[in-house]
């Protein structure tokens, strides 16, 4: 993974590469420095937030995700991408960065936008796996990222909630995106 990509893999296919000039990990898709965290690191942050802020921790995590989703969409705008391309890059980035694999068929998303509600599936969520089996939804950051990106891409006020989660022993995580 570090250093130069192989001939069969382009640098834009990799989640992060080591920049030989700076010695830092970077995401070639958006030319940004990245940090890799493991599930223990995230779980410690998560558990401490809940210990300190109780149920308010979920709002903090959601708002963190919202800010990041808006930033990623803003960066896509800055690269001159259309809304469809920004949407595709956002979904691609989720898998590349290790959040899990977003499943949102394009036709379903178009039909959902007409109705003002969309469903997004996330397979193998890092956040749910790191949180463990808690009996409740745990992907607040992802819900926020979806909401933040959608707000910027659609230019409408939206909210996103998680209705299924691996942490509840569901088969995958599923989010509902609604117009406010």
N, C-alpha and C. Protein backbone atom coordinates (compact mmCIF):
# COMPACT_ATOMS: atom_id res chain seq x y z
N UNK A 1 0.82 -1.19 0.00
CA UNK A 1 0.00 0.00 0.00
C UNK A 1 0.86 1.25 0.00
N UNK A 2 2.02 1.19 0.58
CA UNK A 2 2.84 2.38 0.65
C UNK A 2 3.70 2.50 -0.59
N UNK A 3 4.13 3.73 -0.87
CA UNK A 3 5.00 3.97 -1.99
C UNK A 3 4.24 4.06 -3.29
N UNK A 4 4.92 3.70 -4.37
CA UNK A 4 4.32 3.82 -5.70
C UNK A 4 3.30 2.71 -5.93
N UNK A 5 2.18 3.02 -6.60
CA UNK A 5 1.22 2.01 -6.94
C UNK A 5 1.77 1.06 -8.01
N UNK A 6 1.26 -0.17 -8.02
CA UNK A 6 1.67 -1.12 -9.05
C UNK A 6 1.11 -0.67 -10.40
N UNK A 7 1.62 -1.27 -11.47
CA UNK A 7 1.17 -0.89 -12.82
C UNK A 7 -0.30 -1.18 -13.03
N UNK A 8 -0.84 -2.20 -12.35
CA UNK A 8 -2.25 -2.54 -12.54
C UNK A 8 -3.18 -1.70 -11.68
N UNK A 9 -2.62 -0.91 -10.79
CA UNK A 9 -3.42 -0.08 -9.89
C UNK A 9 -3.00 1.36 -10.04
N UNK A 10 -3.93 2.24 -10.34
CA UNK A 10 -3.59 3.65 -10.41
C UNK A 10 -3.63 4.24 -9.01
N UNK A 11 -2.94 5.35 -8.82
CA UNK A 11 -2.92 5.97 -7.49
C UNK A 11 -4.30 6.43 -7.05
N UNK A 12 -5.20 6.74 -8.00
CA UNK A 12 -6.54 7.17 -7.61
C UNK A 12 -7.41 6.01 -7.14
N UNK A 13 -6.96 4.76 -7.33
CA UNK A 13 -7.69 3.58 -6.85
C UNK A 13 -7.35 3.26 -5.41
N UNK A 14 -6.29 3.84 -4.89
CA UNK A 14 -5.82 3.52 -3.55
C UNK A 14 -6.44 4.45 -2.52
N UNK A 15 -6.73 3.94 -1.31
CA UNK A 15 -7.28 4.81 -0.28
C UNK A 15 -6.28 5.85 0.20
N UNK A 16 -5.01 5.50 0.22
CA UNK A 16 -3.98 6.44 0.66
C UNK A 16 -2.65 5.97 0.12
N UNK A 17 -1.80 6.91 -0.21
CA UNK A 17 -0.45 6.58 -0.62
C UNK A 17 0.53 7.44 0.16
N UNK A 18 1.72 6.94 0.30
CA UNK A 18 2.77 7.67 1.00
C UNK A 18 3.40 8.66 0.02
N UNK A 19 3.34 9.94 0.37
CA UNK A 19 3.96 10.97 -0.45
C UNK A 19 5.46 10.93 -0.18
N UNK A 20 6.27 10.59 -1.18
CA UNK A 20 7.71 10.47 -0.93
C UNK A 20 8.37 11.80 -0.57
N UNK A 21 7.77 12.91 -0.98
CA UNK A 21 8.35 14.23 -0.68
C UNK A 21 8.14 14.62 0.78
N UNK A 22 6.94 14.34 1.30
CA UNK A 22 6.61 14.77 2.67
C UNK A 22 6.69 13.63 3.69
N UNK A 23 6.59 12.39 3.20
CA UNK A 23 6.57 11.25 4.12
C UNK A 23 5.21 11.06 4.78
N UNK A 24 4.18 11.76 4.27
CA UNK A 24 2.84 11.69 4.87
C UNK A 24 1.89 10.90 3.98
N UNK A 25 0.87 10.28 4.59
CA UNK A 25 -0.16 9.59 3.82
C UNK A 25 -1.10 10.61 3.22
N UNK A 26 -1.46 10.39 1.96
CA UNK A 26 -2.38 11.30 1.28
C UNK A 26 -3.41 10.51 0.50
N UNK A 27 -4.59 11.08 0.34
CA UNK A 27 -5.64 10.51 -0.49
C UNK A 27 -5.49 11.11 -1.87
N UNK A 28 -5.12 10.32 -2.87
CA UNK A 28 -4.89 10.89 -4.20
C UNK A 28 -6.17 11.39 -4.87
N UNK A 29 -7.33 10.92 -4.45
CA UNK A 29 -8.59 11.36 -5.05
C UNK A 29 -8.83 12.85 -4.82
N UNK A 30 -8.50 13.32 -3.62
CA UNK A 30 -8.75 14.72 -3.27
C UNK A 30 -7.49 15.48 -2.85
N UNK A 31 -6.34 14.83 -2.99
CA UNK A 31 -5.06 15.44 -2.64
C UNK A 31 -5.06 16.01 -1.22
N UNK A 32 -5.46 15.19 -0.28
CA UNK A 32 -5.50 15.61 1.12
C UNK A 32 -4.68 14.63 1.97
N UNK A 33 -4.09 15.14 3.01
CA UNK A 33 -3.41 14.30 3.99
C UNK A 33 -4.45 13.47 4.72
N UNK A 34 -4.13 12.21 5.03
CA UNK A 34 -5.05 11.34 5.75
C UNK A 34 -4.34 10.71 6.94
N UNK A 35 -5.16 10.22 7.86
CA UNK A 35 -4.67 9.51 9.03
C UNK A 35 -5.46 8.21 9.11
N UNK A 36 -4.79 7.15 9.40
CA UNK A 36 -5.48 5.88 9.55
C UNK A 36 -5.71 5.65 11.04
N UNK A 37 -6.97 5.35 11.39
CA UNK A 37 -7.26 5.03 12.79
C UNK A 37 -7.78 3.59 12.85
N UNK A 38 -7.54 2.94 13.95
CA UNK A 38 -8.06 1.58 14.10
C UNK A 38 -9.33 1.60 14.95
N UNK A 39 -9.99 0.46 15.02
CA UNK A 39 -11.27 0.39 15.71
C UNK A 39 -11.14 0.67 17.21
N UNK A 40 -10.02 0.33 17.81
CA UNK A 40 -9.82 0.63 19.24
C UNK A 40 -9.76 2.14 19.48
N UNK A 41 -9.09 2.86 18.57
CA UNK A 41 -9.00 4.32 18.67
C UNK A 41 -10.41 4.92 18.60
N UNK A 42 -11.19 4.51 17.60
CA UNK A 42 -12.54 5.05 17.46
C UNK A 42 -13.41 4.67 18.66
N UNK A 43 -13.32 3.42 19.12
CA UNK A 43 -14.15 2.99 20.24
C UNK A 43 -13.82 3.78 21.50
N UNK A 44 -12.56 4.07 21.72
CA UNK A 44 -12.17 4.88 22.89
C UNK A 44 -12.76 6.29 22.79
N UNK A 45 -12.72 6.90 21.60
CA UNK A 45 -13.33 8.22 21.41
C UNK A 45 -14.84 8.14 21.66
N UNK A 46 -15.47 7.17 21.04
CA UNK A 46 -16.92 6.95 21.15
C UNK A 46 -17.33 6.76 22.61
N UNK A 47 -16.67 5.84 23.28
CA UNK A 47 -17.03 5.52 24.67
C UNK A 47 -16.83 6.71 25.60
N UNK A 48 -15.75 7.45 25.40
CA UNK A 48 -15.50 8.62 26.24
C UNK A 48 -16.53 9.72 26.00
N UNK A 49 -16.93 9.92 24.73
CA UNK A 49 -17.98 10.90 24.43
C UNK A 49 -19.27 10.54 25.16
N UNK A 50 -19.66 9.26 25.10
CA UNK A 50 -20.90 8.84 25.75
C UNK A 50 -20.78 8.92 27.27
N UNK A 51 -19.61 8.62 27.79
CA UNK A 51 -19.40 8.71 29.24
C UNK A 51 -19.55 10.16 29.70
N UNK A 52 -18.99 11.07 28.93
CA UNK A 52 -18.97 12.49 29.30
C UNK A 52 -20.28 13.21 28.98
N UNK A 53 -20.87 12.92 27.80
CA UNK A 53 -22.03 13.69 27.34
C UNK A 53 -23.32 12.88 27.24
N UNK A 54 -23.25 11.61 27.62
CA UNK A 54 -24.40 10.71 27.59
C UNK A 54 -25.09 10.75 26.23
N UNK A 55 -26.40 10.93 26.19
CA UNK A 55 -27.11 10.90 24.91
C UNK A 55 -26.72 12.04 23.98
N UNK A 56 -26.13 13.10 24.52
CA UNK A 56 -25.66 14.21 23.69
C UNK A 56 -24.50 13.82 22.79
N UNK A 57 -23.84 12.72 23.09
CA UNK A 57 -22.72 12.27 22.27
C UNK A 57 -23.17 11.96 20.85
N UNK A 58 -24.38 11.41 20.70
CA UNK A 58 -24.85 11.08 19.36
C UNK A 58 -25.02 12.36 18.52
N UNK A 59 -25.48 13.43 19.13
CA UNK A 59 -25.62 14.70 18.40
C UNK A 59 -24.25 15.26 18.02
N UNK A 60 -23.28 15.14 18.91
CA UNK A 60 -21.93 15.60 18.61
C UNK A 60 -21.37 14.83 17.41
N UNK A 61 -21.51 13.51 17.43
CA UNK A 61 -21.01 12.68 16.33
C UNK A 61 -21.73 13.03 15.02
N UNK A 62 -23.04 13.22 15.08
CA UNK A 62 -23.83 13.57 13.89
C UNK A 62 -23.34 14.90 13.31
N UNK A 63 -23.16 15.89 14.16
CA UNK A 63 -22.72 17.21 13.68
C UNK A 63 -21.30 17.16 13.14
N UNK A 64 -20.44 16.33 13.72
CA UNK A 64 -19.10 16.15 13.16
C UNK A 64 -19.21 15.61 11.74
N UNK A 65 -20.07 14.61 11.55
CA UNK A 65 -20.27 14.03 10.23
C UNK A 65 -20.86 15.02 9.25
N UNK A 66 -21.81 15.84 9.71
CA UNK A 66 -22.44 16.84 8.85
C UNK A 66 -21.40 17.81 8.29
N UNK A 67 -20.55 18.29 9.16
CA UNK A 67 -19.49 19.22 8.72
C UNK A 67 -18.57 18.57 7.70
N UNK A 68 -18.23 17.31 7.92
CA UNK A 68 -17.34 16.62 6.99
C UNK A 68 -18.04 16.37 5.66
N UNK A 69 -19.30 15.95 5.68
CA UNK A 69 -20.05 15.73 4.45
C UNK A 69 -20.14 16.98 3.61
N UNK A 70 -20.40 18.11 4.26
CA UNK A 70 -20.47 19.39 3.55
C UNK A 70 -19.11 19.75 2.95
N UNK A 71 -18.04 19.51 3.70
CA UNK A 71 -16.70 19.83 3.22
C UNK A 71 -16.34 18.98 1.99
N UNK A 72 -16.62 17.69 2.05
CA UNK A 72 -16.31 16.82 0.92
C UNK A 72 -17.09 17.26 -0.32
N UNK A 73 -18.35 17.60 -0.14
CA UNK A 73 -19.16 18.06 -1.28
C UNK A 73 -18.65 19.40 -1.81
N UNK A 74 -18.22 20.27 -0.90
CA UNK A 74 -17.67 21.57 -1.32
C UNK A 74 -16.39 21.35 -2.13
N UNK A 75 -15.56 20.41 -1.69
CA UNK A 75 -14.33 20.11 -2.42
C UNK A 75 -14.65 19.58 -3.82
N UNK A 76 -15.71 18.76 -3.92
CA UNK A 76 -16.13 18.25 -5.23
C UNK A 76 -16.57 19.39 -6.12
N UNK A 77 -17.30 20.35 -5.55
CA UNK A 77 -17.71 21.54 -6.31
C UNK A 77 -16.48 22.29 -6.83
N UNK A 78 -15.49 22.41 -5.95
CA UNK A 78 -14.26 23.12 -6.31
C UNK A 78 -13.49 22.45 -7.42
N UNK A 79 -13.71 21.15 -7.61
CA UNK A 79 -13.04 20.41 -8.69
C UNK A 79 -13.83 20.48 -9.98
N UNK A 80 -14.96 21.22 -9.95
CA UNK A 80 -15.76 21.38 -11.15
C UNK A 80 -16.64 20.19 -11.48
N UNK A 81 -16.93 19.36 -10.50
CA UNK A 81 -17.78 18.19 -10.74
C UNK A 81 -19.25 18.59 -10.73
N UNK A 82 -20.04 17.91 -11.54
CA UNK A 82 -21.48 18.07 -11.49
C UNK A 82 -22.03 17.34 -10.27
N UNK A 83 -23.32 17.52 -10.02
CA UNK A 83 -23.93 16.91 -8.83
C UNK A 83 -23.87 15.39 -8.88
N UNK A 84 -24.09 14.80 -10.03
CA UNK A 84 -24.06 13.34 -10.17
C UNK A 84 -22.66 12.81 -9.92
N UNK A 85 -21.65 13.48 -10.46
CA UNK A 85 -20.27 13.06 -10.25
C UNK A 85 -19.86 13.24 -8.78
N UNK A 86 -20.29 14.32 -8.15
CA UNK A 86 -19.99 14.54 -6.73
C UNK A 86 -20.62 13.44 -5.89
N UNK A 87 -21.84 13.07 -6.23
CA UNK A 87 -22.55 11.99 -5.53
C UNK A 87 -21.78 10.68 -5.66
N UNK A 88 -21.34 10.37 -6.89
CA UNK A 88 -20.60 9.13 -7.14
C UNK A 88 -19.27 9.13 -6.37
N UNK A 89 -18.57 10.26 -6.37
CA UNK A 89 -17.29 10.35 -5.66
C UNK A 89 -17.48 10.20 -4.15
N UNK A 90 -18.58 10.76 -3.63
CA UNK A 90 -18.84 10.65 -2.19
C UNK A 90 -19.02 9.18 -1.80
N UNK A 91 -19.79 8.44 -2.60
CA UNK A 91 -20.01 7.02 -2.32
C UNK A 91 -18.71 6.23 -2.46
N UNK A 92 -17.94 6.54 -3.48
CA UNK A 92 -16.66 5.88 -3.70
C UNK A 92 -15.70 6.14 -2.54
N UNK A 93 -15.70 7.38 -2.08
CA UNK A 93 -14.79 7.76 -0.99
C UNK A 93 -15.09 6.99 0.29
N UNK A 94 -16.37 6.73 0.54
CA UNK A 94 -16.72 5.97 1.73
C UNK A 94 -16.04 4.62 1.78
N UNK A 95 -16.03 3.93 0.68
CA UNK A 95 -15.38 2.62 0.63
C UNK A 95 -13.85 2.79 0.69
N UNK A 96 -13.35 3.76 -0.05
CA UNK A 96 -11.90 3.98 -0.09
C UNK A 96 -11.34 4.33 1.29
N UNK A 97 -12.11 5.08 2.06
CA UNK A 97 -11.64 5.53 3.37
C UNK A 97 -11.96 4.53 4.47
N UNK A 98 -12.65 3.45 4.15
CA UNK A 98 -12.86 2.39 5.13
C UNK A 98 -14.14 2.50 5.94
N UNK A 99 -15.07 3.41 5.56
CA UNK A 99 -16.32 3.53 6.32
C UNK A 99 -17.18 2.29 6.11
N UNK A 100 -17.08 1.69 4.94
CA UNK A 100 -17.91 0.56 4.53
C UNK A 100 -18.28 0.77 3.08
N UNK A 101 -19.19 -0.07 2.59
CA UNK A 101 -19.59 0.04 1.18
C UNK A 101 -21.02 0.57 1.09
N UNK A 102 -21.14 1.77 0.53
CA UNK A 102 -22.46 2.37 0.34
C UNK A 102 -23.14 1.72 -0.85
N UNK A 103 -24.41 1.39 -0.70
CA UNK A 103 -25.21 0.83 -1.78
C UNK A 103 -26.40 1.76 -1.99
N UNK A 104 -26.39 2.48 -3.10
CA UNK A 104 -27.49 3.37 -3.45
C UNK A 104 -27.65 3.29 -4.97
N UNK A 105 -28.53 2.40 -5.44
CA UNK A 105 -28.72 2.34 -6.89
C UNK A 105 -29.18 3.69 -7.43
N UNK A 106 -28.62 4.10 -8.56
CA UNK A 106 -28.90 5.42 -9.11
C UNK A 106 -30.39 5.63 -9.38
N UNK A 107 -31.06 4.65 -9.98
CA UNK A 107 -32.49 4.80 -10.27
C UNK A 107 -33.28 5.00 -8.98
N UNK A 108 -32.95 4.21 -7.95
CA UNK A 108 -33.65 4.35 -6.66
C UNK A 108 -33.43 5.73 -6.08
N UNK A 109 -32.22 6.26 -6.22
CA UNK A 109 -31.94 7.58 -5.65
C UNK A 109 -32.70 8.68 -6.41
N UNK A 110 -32.83 8.52 -7.71
CA UNK A 110 -33.59 9.52 -8.49
C UNK A 110 -35.06 9.48 -8.09
N UNK A 111 -35.63 8.28 -8.02
CA UNK A 111 -37.03 8.14 -7.61
C UNK A 111 -37.24 8.65 -6.19
N UNK A 112 -36.29 8.36 -5.32
CA UNK A 112 -36.38 8.81 -3.93
C UNK A 112 -36.35 10.32 -3.83
N UNK A 113 -35.53 10.96 -4.67
CA UNK A 113 -35.44 12.42 -4.59
C UNK A 113 -36.75 13.07 -5.02
N UNK A 114 -37.48 12.41 -5.92
CA UNK A 114 -38.79 12.93 -6.32
C UNK A 114 -39.76 12.87 -5.14
N UNK A 115 -39.69 11.78 -4.37
CA UNK A 115 -40.56 11.60 -3.21
C UNK A 115 -40.07 12.38 -1.99
N UNK A 116 -38.83 12.85 -2.03
CA UNK A 116 -38.28 13.60 -0.91
C UNK A 116 -37.72 12.72 0.19
N UNK A 117 -37.47 11.44 -0.12
CA UNK A 117 -36.91 10.52 0.87
C UNK A 117 -36.07 9.48 0.14
N UNK A 118 -34.93 9.16 0.70
CA UNK A 118 -34.05 8.16 0.10
C UNK A 118 -33.53 7.19 1.13
N UNK A 119 -33.22 5.98 0.68
CA UNK A 119 -32.62 4.96 1.55
C UNK A 119 -31.20 4.71 1.08
N UNK A 120 -30.31 4.64 2.03
CA UNK A 120 -28.91 4.38 1.75
C UNK A 120 -28.49 3.21 2.62
N UNK A 121 -27.90 2.20 2.02
CA UNK A 121 -27.41 1.03 2.75
C UNK A 121 -25.90 1.16 2.89
N UNK A 122 -25.39 0.80 4.05
CA UNK A 122 -23.96 0.76 4.28
C UNK A 122 -23.61 -0.63 4.78
N UNK A 123 -22.86 -1.36 3.97
CA UNK A 123 -22.41 -2.70 4.36
C UNK A 123 -21.08 -2.59 5.08
N UNK A 124 -20.89 -3.42 6.08
CA UNK A 124 -19.62 -3.50 6.81
C UNK A 124 -19.18 -2.16 7.41
N UNK A 125 -20.08 -1.49 8.09
CA UNK A 125 -19.77 -0.19 8.68
C UNK A 125 -18.63 -0.29 9.69
N UNK A 126 -17.61 0.51 9.48
CA UNK A 126 -16.50 0.59 10.42
C UNK A 126 -16.99 1.04 11.80
N UNK A 127 -17.88 2.03 11.81
CA UNK A 127 -18.32 2.64 13.06
C UNK A 127 -19.15 1.67 13.90
N UNK A 128 -20.03 0.91 13.25
CA UNK A 128 -20.83 -0.09 13.97
C UNK A 128 -19.93 -1.22 14.47
N UNK A 129 -19.02 -1.68 13.62
CA UNK A 129 -18.13 -2.76 14.01
C UNK A 129 -17.25 -2.34 15.19
N UNK A 130 -16.74 -1.12 15.15
CA UNK A 130 -15.89 -0.62 16.23
C UNK A 130 -16.67 -0.45 17.53
N UNK A 131 -17.94 -0.05 17.42
CA UNK A 131 -18.78 0.16 18.61
C UNK A 131 -19.21 -1.16 19.24
N UNK A 132 -19.32 -2.20 18.43
CA UNK A 132 -19.74 -3.50 18.92
C UNK A 132 -21.25 -3.61 18.99
N UNK A 133 -21.72 -4.70 19.52
CA UNK A 133 -23.16 -4.94 19.66
C UNK A 133 -23.65 -4.15 20.88
N UNK A 134 -24.41 -3.11 20.61
CA UNK A 134 -24.91 -2.25 21.69
C UNK A 134 -26.43 -2.27 21.78
N UNK A 135 -27.08 -2.81 20.74
CA UNK A 135 -28.54 -2.82 20.72
C UNK A 135 -29.14 -1.52 20.22
N UNK A 136 -28.30 -0.60 19.76
CA UNK A 136 -28.82 0.68 19.24
C UNK A 136 -28.01 1.09 18.01
N UNK A 137 -28.51 2.06 17.28
CA UNK A 137 -27.78 2.55 16.11
C UNK A 137 -26.52 3.29 16.58
N UNK A 138 -25.44 3.12 15.84
CA UNK A 138 -24.16 3.69 16.25
C UNK A 138 -23.45 4.50 15.17
N UNK A 139 -24.04 4.60 13.99
CA UNK A 139 -23.34 5.26 12.87
C UNK A 139 -23.76 6.71 12.71
N UNK A 140 -23.71 7.46 13.81
CA UNK A 140 -24.11 8.86 13.81
C UNK A 140 -23.24 9.71 12.90
N UNK A 141 -21.95 9.41 12.86
CA UNK A 141 -21.05 10.17 11.99
C UNK A 141 -21.45 9.98 10.53
N UNK A 142 -21.75 8.74 10.15
CA UNK A 142 -22.13 8.46 8.76
C UNK A 142 -23.45 9.15 8.42
N UNK A 143 -24.43 9.08 9.32
CA UNK A 143 -25.70 9.77 9.08
C UNK A 143 -25.46 11.26 8.87
N UNK A 144 -24.59 11.83 9.65
CA UNK A 144 -24.25 13.25 9.48
C UNK A 144 -23.54 13.52 8.17
N UNK A 145 -22.61 12.64 7.78
CA UNK A 145 -21.91 12.83 6.50
C UNK A 145 -22.89 12.79 5.34
N UNK A 146 -23.83 11.84 5.38
CA UNK A 146 -24.82 11.73 4.32
C UNK A 146 -25.66 13.01 4.27
N UNK A 147 -26.11 13.46 5.43
CA UNK A 147 -26.93 14.68 5.49
C UNK A 147 -26.15 15.89 5.00
N UNK A 148 -24.92 16.04 5.45
CA UNK A 148 -24.11 17.19 5.04
C UNK A 148 -23.83 17.20 3.55
N UNK A 149 -23.48 16.04 3.00
CA UNK A 149 -23.20 15.96 1.56
C UNK A 149 -24.47 16.21 0.76
N UNK A 150 -25.58 15.61 1.19
CA UNK A 150 -26.85 15.78 0.47
C UNK A 150 -27.31 17.24 0.52
N UNK A 151 -27.15 17.88 1.66
CA UNK A 151 -27.53 19.29 1.81
C UNK A 151 -26.80 20.13 0.77
N UNK A 152 -25.54 19.87 0.62
CA UNK A 152 -24.72 20.66 -0.31
C UNK A 152 -25.01 20.27 -1.76
N UNK A 153 -25.15 18.98 -2.04
CA UNK A 153 -25.38 18.51 -3.41
C UNK A 153 -26.77 18.91 -3.91
N UNK A 154 -27.78 18.73 -3.04
CA UNK A 154 -29.17 19.01 -3.44
C UNK A 154 -29.57 20.47 -3.21
N UNK A 155 -28.78 21.19 -2.43
CA UNK A 155 -29.09 22.56 -2.05
C UNK A 155 -30.46 22.65 -1.37
N UNK A 156 -30.71 21.67 -0.48
CA UNK A 156 -31.96 21.62 0.29
C UNK A 156 -31.64 21.19 1.71
N UNK A 157 -32.49 21.58 2.63
CA UNK A 157 -32.32 21.14 4.02
C UNK A 157 -32.80 19.70 4.15
N UNK A 158 -31.93 18.85 4.68
CA UNK A 158 -32.24 17.43 4.83
C UNK A 158 -31.85 16.95 6.22
N UNK A 159 -32.39 15.82 6.60
CA UNK A 159 -31.96 15.12 7.82
C UNK A 159 -31.75 13.66 7.45
N UNK A 160 -30.89 13.01 8.17
CA UNK A 160 -30.61 11.60 7.90
C UNK A 160 -30.66 10.85 9.23
N UNK A 161 -31.35 9.74 9.24
CA UNK A 161 -31.41 8.92 10.44
C UNK A 161 -31.10 7.47 10.08
N UNK A 162 -30.52 6.78 11.01
CA UNK A 162 -30.18 5.37 10.81
C UNK A 162 -31.31 4.52 11.38
N UNK A 163 -31.86 3.64 10.57
CA UNK A 163 -32.95 2.80 11.04
C UNK A 163 -32.52 1.36 11.29
N UNK A 164 -31.46 0.92 10.65
CA UNK A 164 -30.91 -0.41 10.87
C UNK A 164 -29.42 -0.26 11.13
N UNK A 165 -28.87 -1.14 11.95
CA UNK A 165 -27.44 -1.02 12.28
C UNK A 165 -26.87 -2.39 12.65
N UNK A 166 -25.64 -2.62 12.25
CA UNK A 166 -24.94 -3.84 12.65
C UNK A 166 -24.86 -3.94 14.16
N UNK A 167 -24.79 -2.80 14.84
CA UNK A 167 -24.72 -2.80 16.31
C UNK A 167 -26.01 -3.28 16.96
N UNK A 168 -27.09 -3.34 16.17
CA UNK A 168 -28.36 -3.89 16.65
C UNK A 168 -28.56 -5.32 16.14
N UNK A 169 -27.50 -5.88 15.58
CA UNK A 169 -27.51 -7.22 14.97
C UNK A 169 -28.30 -7.27 13.66
N UNK A 170 -28.50 -6.11 13.02
CA UNK A 170 -29.11 -6.08 11.70
C UNK A 170 -28.07 -6.55 10.69
N UNK A 171 -28.52 -6.93 9.51
CA UNK A 171 -27.66 -7.45 8.46
C UNK A 171 -26.69 -6.40 7.92
N UNK A 172 -27.11 -5.16 7.94
CA UNK A 172 -26.31 -4.03 7.47
C UNK A 172 -26.87 -2.77 8.13
N UNK A 173 -26.25 -1.66 7.85
CA UNK A 173 -26.76 -0.37 8.35
C UNK A 173 -27.58 0.26 7.22
N UNK A 174 -28.67 0.89 7.60
CA UNK A 174 -29.52 1.54 6.60
C UNK A 174 -29.95 2.90 7.12
N UNK A 175 -29.87 3.88 6.24
CA UNK A 175 -30.15 5.25 6.58
C UNK A 175 -31.33 5.77 5.75
N UNK A 176 -32.13 6.65 6.34
CA UNK A 176 -33.21 7.31 5.64
C UNK A 176 -32.86 8.79 5.56
N UNK A 177 -32.81 9.30 4.34
CA UNK A 177 -32.52 10.71 4.09
C UNK A 177 -33.85 11.37 3.69
N UNK A 178 -34.23 12.41 4.42
CA UNK A 178 -35.50 13.09 4.17
C UNK A 178 -35.28 14.59 4.03
N UNK A 179 -36.13 15.19 3.22
CA UNK A 179 -36.16 16.64 3.16
C UNK A 179 -36.74 17.14 4.46
N UNK A 180 -36.21 18.25 4.96
CA UNK A 180 -36.71 18.84 6.22
C UNK A 180 -37.99 19.57 5.98
